[in-house]
């Protein structure tokens, strides 16, 4: 989830943001394209931008930091829609239930052996596949296991709209921001999930 994604989810156009923040178009363009890092911007610019999209300055800086810590979306990546929130929510519940009953490393190795991410893609269950991949990448990084290279072909894909995992539906991220515990590996695929929400399922 990038600053640009946040602006899109807030329903703001580039022109509207320029007008409301009074940030010069060239400066705003550099920020949104990633040419200018927020850490190199003047505090006043960060303040204007954070106010313009409805975040605190700390939240805006954290969002920028998270976005830069996650691999960029590949140009060949595809955008996927969440067609059935109820089906996705049930899938998430079943997946996390399995994770509660097996060792996390065993879960990763089973994912490697069974190829269930590919199977879901082939069955047209792309949101479920991307959610699973984000979870697998998170567990790999957590346990210092190399990420499963067999899934590299899917790592450029993402959800078209933000999906709040613990709600199981698409919605505006601004209303549910929990920056401190967001899982970057899942955020890359446009899923908002926290370490706490995985534990309390």
N, C-alpha and C. Protein backbone atom coordinates (compact mmCIF):
# COMPACT_ATOMS: atom_id res chain seq x y z
N UNK A 1 0.86 -1.18 0.00
CA UNK A 1 0.00 0.00 0.00
C UNK A 1 0.90 1.23 0.00
N UNK A 2 0.86 1.99 -1.07
CA UNK A 2 1.69 3.17 -1.21
C UNK A 2 0.86 4.42 -0.89
N UNK A 3 1.54 5.56 -0.84
CA UNK A 3 0.83 6.83 -0.64
C UNK A 3 -0.15 7.05 -1.78
N UNK A 4 0.27 6.70 -2.98
CA UNK A 4 -0.60 6.85 -4.14
C UNK A 4 -1.86 6.00 -3.99
N UNK A 5 -1.69 4.77 -3.49
CA UNK A 5 -2.85 3.90 -3.24
C UNK A 5 -3.79 4.55 -2.23
N UNK A 6 -3.22 5.14 -1.18
CA UNK A 6 -4.04 5.79 -0.15
C UNK A 6 -4.86 6.93 -0.74
N UNK A 7 -4.24 7.68 -1.62
CA UNK A 7 -4.94 8.80 -2.25
C UNK A 7 -6.08 8.28 -3.11
N UNK A 8 -5.81 7.21 -3.85
CA UNK A 8 -6.87 6.61 -4.68
C UNK A 8 -8.02 6.11 -3.82
N UNK A 9 -7.69 5.46 -2.70
CA UNK A 9 -8.74 4.94 -1.81
C UNK A 9 -9.52 6.06 -1.15
N UNK A 10 -8.87 7.21 -0.98
CA UNK A 10 -9.57 8.35 -0.40
C UNK A 10 -10.44 9.06 -1.43
N UNK A 11 -10.31 8.65 -2.70
CA UNK A 11 -11.12 9.23 -3.76
C UNK A 11 -10.67 10.61 -4.18
N UNK A 12 -9.37 10.90 -4.00
CA UNK A 12 -8.84 12.22 -4.36
C UNK A 12 -8.12 12.16 -5.69
N UNK A 13 -8.33 13.17 -6.51
CA UNK A 13 -7.57 13.27 -7.75
C UNK A 13 -6.28 14.02 -7.48
N UNK A 14 -5.33 13.91 -8.38
CA UNK A 14 -4.06 14.61 -8.25
C UNK A 14 -4.30 16.12 -8.17
N UNK A 15 -5.20 16.60 -9.01
CA UNK A 15 -5.49 18.05 -9.04
C UNK A 15 -6.10 18.52 -7.72
N UNK A 16 -7.03 17.71 -7.19
CA UNK A 16 -7.66 18.07 -5.91
C UNK A 16 -6.63 18.13 -4.79
N UNK A 17 -5.73 17.17 -4.79
CA UNK A 17 -4.71 17.12 -3.74
C UNK A 17 -3.76 18.31 -3.85
N UNK A 18 -3.39 18.66 -5.07
CA UNK A 18 -2.54 19.85 -5.27
C UNK A 18 -3.23 21.09 -4.72
N UNK A 19 -4.51 21.20 -5.01
CA UNK A 19 -5.26 22.39 -4.60
C UNK A 19 -5.44 22.45 -3.09
N UNK A 20 -5.83 21.33 -2.47
CA UNK A 20 -6.10 21.35 -1.03
C UNK A 20 -4.83 21.44 -0.19
N UNK A 21 -3.74 20.85 -0.68
CA UNK A 21 -2.50 20.87 0.10
C UNK A 21 -1.60 22.05 -0.21
N UNK A 22 -1.83 22.66 -1.39
CA UNK A 22 -0.99 23.76 -1.87
C UNK A 22 0.47 23.31 -2.06
N UNK A 23 0.63 22.01 -2.34
CA UNK A 23 1.96 21.48 -2.69
C UNK A 23 2.12 21.63 -4.20
N UNK A 24 3.24 22.18 -4.67
CA UNK A 24 3.44 22.32 -6.11
C UNK A 24 3.29 20.97 -6.84
N UNK A 25 2.69 21.02 -8.02
CA UNK A 25 2.41 19.80 -8.78
C UNK A 25 3.68 18.99 -9.02
N UNK A 26 4.78 19.66 -9.32
CA UNK A 26 6.03 18.94 -9.60
C UNK A 26 6.52 18.19 -8.36
N UNK A 27 6.40 18.84 -7.19
CA UNK A 27 6.82 18.21 -5.93
C UNK A 27 5.93 17.02 -5.61
N UNK A 28 4.61 17.22 -5.73
CA UNK A 28 3.67 16.14 -5.44
C UNK A 28 3.87 14.96 -6.39
N UNK A 29 4.12 15.26 -7.64
CA UNK A 29 4.36 14.22 -8.63
C UNK A 29 5.61 13.40 -8.28
N UNK A 30 6.65 14.09 -7.85
CA UNK A 30 7.89 13.39 -7.46
C UNK A 30 7.66 12.49 -6.25
N UNK A 31 6.85 12.95 -5.30
CA UNK A 31 6.56 12.15 -4.10
C UNK A 31 5.77 10.91 -4.48
N UNK A 32 4.72 11.09 -5.28
CA UNK A 32 3.84 9.99 -5.62
C UNK A 32 4.49 8.97 -6.54
N UNK A 33 5.44 9.42 -7.36
CA UNK A 33 6.13 8.50 -8.26
C UNK A 33 7.30 7.80 -7.58
N UNK A 34 7.65 8.26 -6.37
CA UNK A 34 8.76 7.66 -5.65
C UNK A 34 10.09 8.30 -5.93
N UNK A 35 10.10 9.33 -6.79
CA UNK A 35 11.37 10.02 -7.08
C UNK A 35 11.87 10.77 -5.87
N UNK A 36 10.94 11.31 -5.09
CA UNK A 36 11.31 12.07 -3.88
C UNK A 36 10.85 11.29 -2.65
N UNK A 37 11.77 10.94 -1.78
CA UNK A 37 11.42 10.26 -0.55
C UNK A 37 10.94 11.27 0.48
N UNK A 38 9.95 10.87 1.27
CA UNK A 38 9.41 11.78 2.28
C UNK A 38 10.48 12.20 3.29
N UNK A 39 11.43 11.32 3.54
CA UNK A 39 12.49 11.66 4.51
C UNK A 39 13.36 12.81 4.03
N UNK A 40 13.29 13.10 2.74
CA UNK A 40 14.05 14.22 2.18
C UNK A 40 13.20 15.46 1.95
N UNK A 41 11.91 15.37 2.28
CA UNK A 41 11.01 16.51 2.09
C UNK A 41 11.00 17.40 3.33
N UNK A 42 10.61 18.65 3.12
CA UNK A 42 10.47 19.57 4.24
C UNK A 42 9.31 19.14 5.12
N UNK A 43 9.43 19.39 6.39
CA UNK A 43 8.38 19.01 7.35
C UNK A 43 7.04 19.63 6.97
N UNK A 44 7.06 20.85 6.47
CA UNK A 44 5.83 21.54 6.08
C UNK A 44 5.12 20.78 4.95
N UNK A 45 5.90 20.25 4.00
CA UNK A 45 5.33 19.49 2.89
C UNK A 45 4.68 18.21 3.41
N UNK A 46 5.37 17.53 4.33
CA UNK A 46 4.83 16.30 4.91
C UNK A 46 3.55 16.60 5.68
N UNK A 47 3.56 17.71 6.40
CA UNK A 47 2.38 18.11 7.17
C UNK A 47 1.19 18.38 6.24
N UNK A 48 1.44 19.09 5.15
CA UNK A 48 0.36 19.40 4.20
C UNK A 48 -0.19 18.13 3.57
N UNK A 49 0.71 17.22 3.18
CA UNK A 49 0.28 16.00 2.52
C UNK A 49 -0.49 15.09 3.49
N UNK A 50 0.01 14.95 4.70
CA UNK A 50 -0.68 14.10 5.68
C UNK A 50 -2.07 14.64 5.97
N UNK A 51 -2.18 15.96 6.12
CA UNK A 51 -3.49 16.56 6.36
C UNK A 51 -4.41 16.36 5.16
N UNK A 52 -3.84 16.47 3.95
CA UNK A 52 -4.63 16.34 2.73
C UNK A 52 -5.25 14.97 2.54
N UNK A 53 -4.57 13.90 3.02
CA UNK A 53 -5.13 12.56 2.85
C UNK A 53 -5.67 11.97 4.15
N UNK A 54 -5.66 12.77 5.21
CA UNK A 54 -6.32 12.36 6.45
C UNK A 54 -5.52 11.45 7.35
N UNK A 55 -4.20 11.61 7.35
CA UNK A 55 -3.34 10.83 8.24
C UNK A 55 -2.51 11.76 9.10
N UNK A 56 -2.00 11.22 10.20
CA UNK A 56 -1.03 12.01 10.97
C UNK A 56 0.30 11.96 10.23
N UNK A 57 1.21 12.83 10.58
CA UNK A 57 2.53 12.83 9.94
C UNK A 57 3.25 11.51 10.22
N UNK A 58 3.13 11.00 11.44
CA UNK A 58 3.77 9.73 11.79
C UNK A 58 3.21 8.58 10.95
N UNK A 59 1.89 8.56 10.77
CA UNK A 59 1.26 7.51 9.98
C UNK A 59 1.71 7.59 8.52
N UNK A 60 1.81 8.79 8.00
CA UNK A 60 2.26 8.98 6.62
C UNK A 60 3.69 8.49 6.44
N UNK A 61 4.56 8.81 7.38
CA UNK A 61 5.95 8.38 7.31
C UNK A 61 6.05 6.86 7.44
N UNK A 62 5.22 6.28 8.31
CA UNK A 62 5.22 4.83 8.49
C UNK A 62 4.73 4.14 7.23
N UNK A 63 3.71 4.70 6.60
CA UNK A 63 3.19 4.14 5.36
C UNK A 63 4.26 4.16 4.29
N UNK A 64 4.98 5.27 4.17
CA UNK A 64 6.05 5.39 3.19
C UNK A 64 7.14 4.38 3.47
N UNK A 65 7.47 4.19 4.72
CA UNK A 65 8.50 3.24 5.12
C UNK A 65 8.08 1.81 4.80
N UNK A 66 6.82 1.47 5.09
CA UNK A 66 6.30 0.13 4.78
C UNK A 66 6.32 -0.13 3.29
N UNK A 67 5.88 0.86 2.51
CA UNK A 67 5.81 0.69 1.06
C UNK A 67 7.19 0.45 0.48
N UNK A 68 8.20 1.12 1.02
CA UNK A 68 9.55 0.97 0.50
C UNK A 68 10.21 -0.33 0.95
N UNK A 69 9.67 -0.96 2.01
CA UNK A 69 10.26 -2.21 2.49
C UNK A 69 9.71 -3.43 1.76
N UNK A 70 8.71 -3.21 0.91
CA UNK A 70 8.07 -4.30 0.19
C UNK A 70 8.48 -4.23 -1.28
N UNK A 71 8.77 -5.36 -1.92
CA UNK A 71 9.14 -5.33 -3.34
C UNK A 71 8.09 -4.63 -4.19
N UNK A 72 8.55 -3.92 -5.20
CA UNK A 72 7.64 -3.21 -6.09
C UNK A 72 6.82 -4.21 -6.92
N UNK A 73 5.63 -3.81 -7.29
CA UNK A 73 4.78 -4.62 -8.14
C UNK A 73 5.43 -4.73 -9.52
N UNK A 74 5.47 -5.94 -10.07
CA UNK A 74 6.02 -6.13 -11.39
C UNK A 74 5.11 -5.51 -12.43
N UNK A 75 5.71 -5.04 -13.53
CA UNK A 75 4.90 -4.44 -14.59
C UNK A 75 3.94 -5.45 -15.19
N UNK A 76 4.33 -6.73 -15.14
CA UNK A 76 3.49 -7.77 -15.72
C UNK A 76 2.41 -8.25 -14.74
N UNK A 77 2.40 -7.69 -13.54
CA UNK A 77 1.44 -8.12 -12.52
C UNK A 77 0.00 -7.83 -12.90
N UNK A 78 -0.90 -8.62 -12.36
CA UNK A 78 -2.32 -8.47 -12.64
C UNK A 78 -3.04 -7.98 -11.40
N UNK A 79 -4.13 -7.25 -11.63
CA UNK A 79 -4.99 -6.80 -10.55
C UNK A 79 -6.18 -7.76 -10.45
N UNK A 80 -6.51 -8.14 -9.22
CA UNK A 80 -7.61 -9.09 -9.03
C UNK A 80 -8.71 -8.48 -8.17
N UNK A 81 -9.93 -8.86 -8.44
CA UNK A 81 -11.08 -8.37 -7.68
C UNK A 81 -11.54 -9.41 -6.68
N UNK A 82 -12.09 -8.92 -5.59
CA UNK A 82 -12.69 -9.82 -4.58
C UNK A 82 -14.16 -9.97 -4.95
N UNK A 83 -14.49 -11.08 -5.59
CA UNK A 83 -15.84 -11.27 -6.10
C UNK A 83 -16.83 -11.67 -5.01
N UNK A 84 -16.37 -12.45 -4.04
CA UNK A 84 -17.27 -12.94 -3.00
C UNK A 84 -16.63 -12.79 -1.63
N UNK A 85 -16.94 -11.68 -0.92
CA UNK A 85 -16.37 -11.49 0.41
C UNK A 85 -16.66 -12.63 1.38
N UNK A 86 -17.86 -13.22 1.31
CA UNK A 86 -18.22 -14.31 2.22
C UNK A 86 -17.35 -15.54 1.98
N UNK A 87 -17.11 -15.86 0.71
CA UNK A 87 -16.27 -17.02 0.38
C UNK A 87 -14.85 -16.76 0.84
N UNK A 88 -14.36 -15.53 0.61
CA UNK A 88 -13.00 -15.21 1.04
C UNK A 88 -12.88 -15.28 2.56
N UNK A 89 -13.85 -14.74 3.26
CA UNK A 89 -13.82 -14.75 4.72
C UNK A 89 -13.80 -16.17 5.26
N UNK A 90 -14.60 -17.06 4.67
CA UNK A 90 -14.62 -18.46 5.09
C UNK A 90 -13.27 -19.12 4.81
N UNK A 91 -12.70 -18.81 3.65
CA UNK A 91 -11.39 -19.37 3.30
C UNK A 91 -10.34 -18.92 4.30
N UNK A 92 -10.33 -17.62 4.60
CA UNK A 92 -9.35 -17.09 5.55
C UNK A 92 -9.47 -17.80 6.89
N UNK A 93 -10.70 -17.97 7.36
CA UNK A 93 -10.93 -18.64 8.63
C UNK A 93 -10.40 -20.07 8.62
N UNK A 94 -10.66 -20.80 7.53
CA UNK A 94 -10.19 -22.18 7.43
C UNK A 94 -8.67 -22.23 7.39
N UNK A 95 -8.05 -21.32 6.64
CA UNK A 95 -6.59 -21.30 6.53
C UNK A 95 -5.94 -21.00 7.87
N UNK A 96 -6.45 -20.01 8.58
CA UNK A 96 -5.87 -19.66 9.87
C UNK A 96 -6.15 -20.73 10.91
N UNK A 97 -7.26 -21.45 10.75
CA UNK A 97 -7.53 -22.57 11.65
C UNK A 97 -6.48 -23.67 11.47
N UNK A 98 -6.12 -23.95 10.23
CA UNK A 98 -5.06 -24.92 9.96
C UNK A 98 -3.76 -24.45 10.60
N UNK A 99 -3.47 -23.16 10.45
CA UNK A 99 -2.23 -22.60 10.99
C UNK A 99 -2.17 -22.70 12.51
N UNK A 100 -3.33 -22.66 13.16
CA UNK A 100 -3.38 -22.79 14.62
C UNK A 100 -3.02 -24.20 15.08
N UNK A 101 -3.19 -25.17 14.19
CA UNK A 101 -3.02 -26.57 14.59
C UNK A 101 -1.73 -27.21 14.07
N UNK A 102 -0.94 -26.49 13.30
CA UNK A 102 0.33 -27.02 12.81
C UNK A 102 1.44 -26.01 13.10
N UNK A 103 2.65 -26.50 13.14
CA UNK A 103 3.82 -25.66 13.30
C UNK A 103 3.94 -24.75 12.07
N UNK A 104 4.32 -23.49 12.27
CA UNK A 104 4.40 -22.54 11.16
C UNK A 104 5.38 -23.00 10.08
N UNK A 105 6.50 -23.55 10.48
CA UNK A 105 7.47 -24.03 9.49
C UNK A 105 6.92 -25.22 8.72
N UNK A 106 6.19 -26.08 9.38
CA UNK A 106 5.54 -27.21 8.71
C UNK A 106 4.53 -26.70 7.69
N UNK A 107 3.82 -25.64 8.04
CA UNK A 107 2.85 -25.03 7.14
C UNK A 107 3.55 -24.56 5.85
N UNK A 108 4.70 -23.91 6.01
CA UNK A 108 5.45 -23.42 4.84
C UNK A 108 5.92 -24.59 3.97
N UNK A 109 6.47 -25.63 4.59
CA UNK A 109 6.96 -26.77 3.82
C UNK A 109 5.82 -27.50 3.11
N UNK A 110 4.66 -27.56 3.76
CA UNK A 110 3.50 -28.17 3.12
C UNK A 110 3.05 -27.36 1.91
N UNK A 111 3.14 -26.03 2.03
CA UNK A 111 2.79 -25.15 0.91
C UNK A 111 3.73 -25.39 -0.27
N UNK A 112 5.00 -25.63 0.03
CA UNK A 112 5.98 -25.89 -1.03
C UNK A 112 5.70 -27.22 -1.73
N UNK A 113 5.34 -28.23 -0.96
CA UNK A 113 5.16 -29.57 -1.51
C UNK A 113 3.84 -29.75 -2.25
N UNK A 114 2.79 -29.13 -1.74
CA UNK A 114 1.46 -29.34 -2.34
C UNK A 114 1.16 -28.40 -3.50
N UNK A 115 1.86 -27.26 -3.55
CA UNK A 115 1.59 -26.30 -4.62
C UNK A 115 0.19 -25.75 -4.59
N UNK A 116 -0.36 -25.57 -3.37
CA UNK A 116 -1.77 -25.16 -3.30
C UNK A 116 -2.02 -23.74 -3.80
N UNK A 117 -0.98 -22.90 -3.82
CA UNK A 117 -1.17 -21.55 -4.39
C UNK A 117 -1.45 -21.66 -5.89
N UNK A 118 -0.64 -22.49 -6.59
CA UNK A 118 -0.89 -22.69 -8.03
C UNK A 118 -2.26 -23.28 -8.28
N UNK A 119 -2.64 -24.24 -7.43
CA UNK A 119 -3.94 -24.89 -7.59
C UNK A 119 -5.09 -23.88 -7.47
N UNK A 120 -4.95 -22.95 -6.53
CA UNK A 120 -6.01 -21.94 -6.37
C UNK A 120 -6.05 -21.01 -7.57
N UNK A 121 -4.86 -20.61 -8.07
CA UNK A 121 -4.84 -19.77 -9.27
C UNK A 121 -5.53 -20.46 -10.43
N UNK A 122 -5.19 -21.72 -10.64
CA UNK A 122 -5.79 -22.48 -11.75
C UNK A 122 -7.29 -22.62 -11.59
N UNK A 123 -7.76 -22.64 -10.35
CA UNK A 123 -9.20 -22.75 -10.09
C UNK A 123 -9.90 -21.39 -10.12
N UNK A 124 -9.14 -20.32 -10.39
CA UNK A 124 -9.72 -18.97 -10.45
C UNK A 124 -9.91 -18.32 -9.10
N UNK A 125 -9.28 -18.87 -8.06
CA UNK A 125 -9.40 -18.32 -6.70
C UNK A 125 -8.18 -17.44 -6.41
N UNK A 126 -8.01 -16.41 -7.22
CA UNK A 126 -6.81 -15.56 -7.13
C UNK A 126 -6.70 -14.80 -5.80
N UNK A 127 -7.79 -14.23 -5.25
CA UNK A 127 -7.65 -13.57 -3.95
C UNK A 127 -7.16 -14.52 -2.86
N UNK A 128 -7.71 -15.74 -2.86
CA UNK A 128 -7.28 -16.73 -1.86
C UNK A 128 -5.81 -17.09 -2.07
N UNK A 129 -5.39 -17.21 -3.33
CA UNK A 129 -4.01 -17.55 -3.64
C UNK A 129 -3.06 -16.45 -3.17
N UNK A 130 -3.42 -15.18 -3.44
CA UNK A 130 -2.56 -14.07 -3.05
C UNK A 130 -2.50 -13.93 -1.53
N UNK A 131 -3.63 -14.12 -0.86
CA UNK A 131 -3.64 -14.05 0.60
C UNK A 131 -2.73 -15.13 1.17
N UNK A 132 -2.84 -16.33 0.64
CA UNK A 132 -2.00 -17.44 1.10
C UNK A 132 -0.52 -17.14 0.86
N UNK A 133 -0.22 -16.58 -0.31
CA UNK A 133 1.16 -16.27 -0.64
C UNK A 133 1.72 -15.21 0.30
N UNK A 134 0.93 -14.19 0.61
CA UNK A 134 1.37 -13.18 1.57
C UNK A 134 1.66 -13.79 2.93
N UNK A 135 0.79 -14.71 3.35
CA UNK A 135 0.98 -15.39 4.63
C UNK A 135 2.23 -16.27 4.60
N UNK A 136 2.42 -16.99 3.51
CA UNK A 136 3.60 -17.85 3.37
C UNK A 136 4.88 -17.01 3.40
N UNK A 137 4.89 -15.90 2.66
CA UNK A 137 6.08 -15.04 2.65
C UNK A 137 6.37 -14.49 4.05
N UNK A 138 5.31 -14.10 4.76
CA UNK A 138 5.47 -13.60 6.13
C UNK A 138 6.11 -14.67 7.02
N UNK A 139 5.62 -15.89 6.93
CA UNK A 139 6.15 -16.97 7.76
C UNK A 139 7.59 -17.33 7.37
N UNK A 140 7.88 -17.29 6.07
CA UNK A 140 9.25 -17.54 5.62
C UNK A 140 10.20 -16.52 6.22
N UNK A 141 9.84 -15.24 6.13
CA UNK A 141 10.70 -14.18 6.66
C UNK A 141 10.82 -14.29 8.17
N UNK A 142 9.72 -14.62 8.83
CA UNK A 142 9.70 -14.73 10.29
C UNK A 142 10.66 -15.82 10.78
N UNK A 143 10.73 -16.93 10.03
CA UNK A 143 11.54 -18.07 10.47
C UNK A 143 12.85 -18.20 9.68
N UNK A 144 13.22 -17.15 8.95
CA UNK A 144 14.46 -17.13 8.16
C UNK A 144 14.53 -18.32 7.19
N UNK A 145 13.39 -18.61 6.57
CA UNK A 145 13.32 -19.65 5.54
C UNK A 145 13.33 -18.92 4.19
N UNK A 146 14.11 -19.37 3.22
CA UNK A 146 14.06 -18.71 1.90
C UNK A 146 12.65 -18.73 1.33
N UNK A 147 12.24 -17.62 0.74
CA UNK A 147 10.90 -17.60 0.14
C UNK A 147 10.80 -18.63 -0.97
N UNK A 148 9.61 -19.17 -1.16
CA UNK A 148 9.39 -20.24 -2.13
C UNK A 148 9.45 -19.68 -3.55
N UNK A 149 10.53 -19.99 -4.26
CA UNK A 149 10.76 -19.44 -5.59
C UNK A 149 9.70 -19.88 -6.59
N UNK A 150 9.05 -21.02 -6.33
CA UNK A 150 8.03 -21.51 -7.26
C UNK A 150 6.85 -20.54 -7.37
N UNK A 151 6.73 -19.62 -6.42
CA UNK A 151 5.62 -18.67 -6.44
C UNK A 151 6.02 -17.29 -6.97
N UNK A 152 7.23 -17.15 -7.47
CA UNK A 152 7.69 -15.84 -7.95
C UNK A 152 6.80 -15.28 -9.05
N UNK A 153 6.25 -16.15 -9.87
CA UNK A 153 5.42 -15.69 -10.99
C UNK A 153 4.15 -14.99 -10.53
N UNK A 154 3.77 -15.17 -9.27
CA UNK A 154 2.56 -14.53 -8.75
C UNK A 154 2.86 -13.29 -7.91
N UNK A 155 4.11 -13.06 -7.59
CA UNK A 155 4.45 -11.99 -6.64
C UNK A 155 4.27 -10.59 -7.22
N UNK A 156 4.04 -10.46 -8.50
CA UNK A 156 3.76 -9.15 -9.08
C UNK A 156 2.28 -8.81 -9.07
N UNK A 157 1.43 -9.79 -8.78
CA UNK A 157 -0.01 -9.55 -8.76
C UNK A 157 -0.42 -8.88 -7.45
N UNK A 158 -1.59 -8.27 -7.45
CA UNK A 158 -2.11 -7.66 -6.24
C UNK A 158 -3.62 -7.52 -6.36
N UNK A 159 -4.25 -7.25 -5.24
CA UNK A 159 -5.69 -7.00 -5.26
C UNK A 159 -5.96 -5.59 -5.76
N UNK A 160 -7.03 -5.44 -6.51
CA UNK A 160 -7.38 -4.14 -7.07
C UNK A 160 -7.73 -3.13 -5.98
N UNK A 161 -8.44 -3.60 -4.96
CA UNK A 161 -8.80 -2.75 -3.83
C UNK A 161 -8.31 -3.40 -2.54
N UNK A 162 -8.08 -2.57 -1.54
CA UNK A 162 -7.61 -3.07 -0.26
C UNK A 162 -8.64 -4.02 0.35
N UNK A 163 -8.16 -5.16 0.83
CA UNK A 163 -9.02 -6.13 1.50
C UNK A 163 -8.59 -6.21 2.96
N UNK A 164 -9.51 -5.90 3.84
CA UNK A 164 -9.23 -5.99 5.26
C UNK A 164 -9.43 -7.45 5.67
N UNK A 165 -8.34 -8.15 5.96
CA UNK A 165 -8.40 -9.58 6.20
C UNK A 165 -9.36 -9.99 7.29
N UNK A 166 -9.28 -9.30 8.44
CA UNK A 166 -10.09 -9.73 9.57
C UNK A 166 -11.55 -9.31 9.46
N UNK A 167 -11.87 -8.55 8.43
CA UNK A 167 -13.27 -8.23 8.14
C UNK A 167 -13.73 -9.04 6.93
N UNK A 168 -12.76 -9.33 6.05
CA UNK A 168 -13.07 -10.15 4.88
C UNK A 168 -13.81 -9.40 3.80
N UNK A 169 -13.55 -8.11 3.67
CA UNK A 169 -14.21 -7.34 2.63
C UNK A 169 -13.33 -6.19 2.19
N UNK A 170 -13.65 -5.63 1.05
CA UNK A 170 -12.94 -4.46 0.56
C UNK A 170 -13.49 -3.23 1.26
N UNK A 171 -12.60 -2.34 1.66
CA UNK A 171 -13.06 -1.09 2.25
C UNK A 171 -11.90 -0.09 2.27
N UNK A 172 -12.19 1.10 2.72
CA UNK A 172 -11.17 2.14 2.75
C UNK A 172 -10.23 1.91 3.92
N UNK A 173 -8.96 1.87 3.60
CA UNK A 173 -7.95 1.60 4.62
C UNK A 173 -7.91 2.69 5.67
N UNK A 174 -8.26 3.90 5.32
CA UNK A 174 -8.16 5.02 6.25
C UNK A 174 -8.93 4.77 7.54
N UNK A 175 -10.01 4.03 7.46
CA UNK A 175 -10.85 3.80 8.64
C UNK A 175 -10.32 2.70 9.55
N UNK A 176 -9.33 1.94 9.10
CA UNK A 176 -8.88 0.77 9.85
C UNK A 176 -7.36 0.72 9.98
N UNK A 177 -6.71 1.87 10.07
CA UNK A 177 -5.27 1.90 10.04
C UNK A 177 -4.66 1.49 11.37
N UNK A 178 -3.82 0.48 11.36
CA UNK A 178 -3.09 0.00 12.53
C UNK A 178 -1.63 -0.15 12.11
N UNK A 179 -0.95 0.96 11.93
CA UNK A 179 0.37 0.93 11.29
C UNK A 179 1.38 0.07 12.02
N UNK A 180 1.35 0.06 13.33
CA UNK A 180 2.40 -0.61 14.08
C UNK A 180 2.46 -2.11 13.84
N UNK A 181 1.34 -2.72 13.51
CA UNK A 181 1.35 -4.18 13.41
C UNK A 181 0.96 -4.70 12.03
N UNK A 182 0.91 -3.85 11.02
CA UNK A 182 0.61 -4.33 9.67
C UNK A 182 1.70 -5.29 9.21
N UNK A 183 1.33 -6.31 8.48
CA UNK A 183 2.27 -7.28 7.95
C UNK A 183 2.64 -6.86 6.52
N UNK A 184 3.85 -6.35 6.31
CA UNK A 184 4.24 -5.84 4.99
C UNK A 184 4.13 -6.89 3.88
N UNK A 185 4.43 -8.14 4.19
CA UNK A 185 4.38 -9.19 3.17
C UNK A 185 2.96 -9.38 2.64
N UNK A 186 1.95 -9.07 3.46
CA UNK A 186 0.57 -9.18 3.00
C UNK A 186 0.09 -7.87 2.40
N UNK A 187 0.62 -6.78 2.92
CA UNK A 187 0.28 -5.46 2.40
C UNK A 187 0.69 -5.34 0.93
N UNK A 188 1.76 -6.03 0.57
CA UNK A 188 2.23 -6.01 -0.82
C UNK A 188 1.13 -6.46 -1.78
N UNK A 189 0.30 -7.38 -1.34
CA UNK A 189 -0.78 -7.89 -2.18
C UNK A 189 -2.10 -7.14 -1.91
N UNK A 190 -2.02 -6.06 -1.13
CA UNK A 190 -3.16 -5.20 -0.81
C UNK A 190 -4.12 -5.85 0.19
N UNK A 191 -3.57 -6.70 1.07
CA UNK A 191 -4.33 -7.26 2.18
C UNK A 191 -3.87 -6.61 3.47
N UNK A 192 -4.80 -6.06 4.23
CA UNK A 192 -4.47 -5.51 5.53
C UNK A 192 -4.70 -6.59 6.56
N UNK A 193 -3.62 -7.03 7.14
CA UNK A 193 -3.67 -8.07 8.17
C UNK A 193 -2.63 -7.69 9.21
N UNK A 194 -2.93 -7.96 10.46
CA UNK A 194 -1.99 -7.65 11.54
C UNK A 194 -1.57 -8.93 12.22
N UNK A 195 -0.45 -8.86 12.91
CA UNK A 195 0.01 -10.03 13.67
C UNK A 195 -1.03 -10.42 14.72
N UNK A 196 -1.65 -9.42 15.32
CA UNK A 196 -2.67 -9.68 16.35
C UNK A 196 -3.90 -10.37 15.76
N UNK A 197 -4.31 -9.94 14.57
CA UNK A 197 -5.51 -10.55 13.98
C UNK A 197 -5.26 -11.99 13.57
N UNK A 198 -4.01 -12.33 13.26
CA UNK A 198 -3.68 -13.73 12.96
C UNK A 198 -3.75 -14.58 14.23
N UNK A 199 -3.33 -13.99 15.34
CA UNK A 199 -3.26 -14.74 16.60
C UNK A 199 -4.63 -14.94 17.23
N UNK A 200 -5.49 -13.94 17.11
CA UNK A 200 -6.77 -14.02 17.84
C UNK A 200 -7.86 -14.71 17.05
N UNK A 201 -7.54 -15.16 15.85
CA UNK A 201 -8.61 -15.81 15.06
C UNK A 201 -9.16 -17.00 15.83
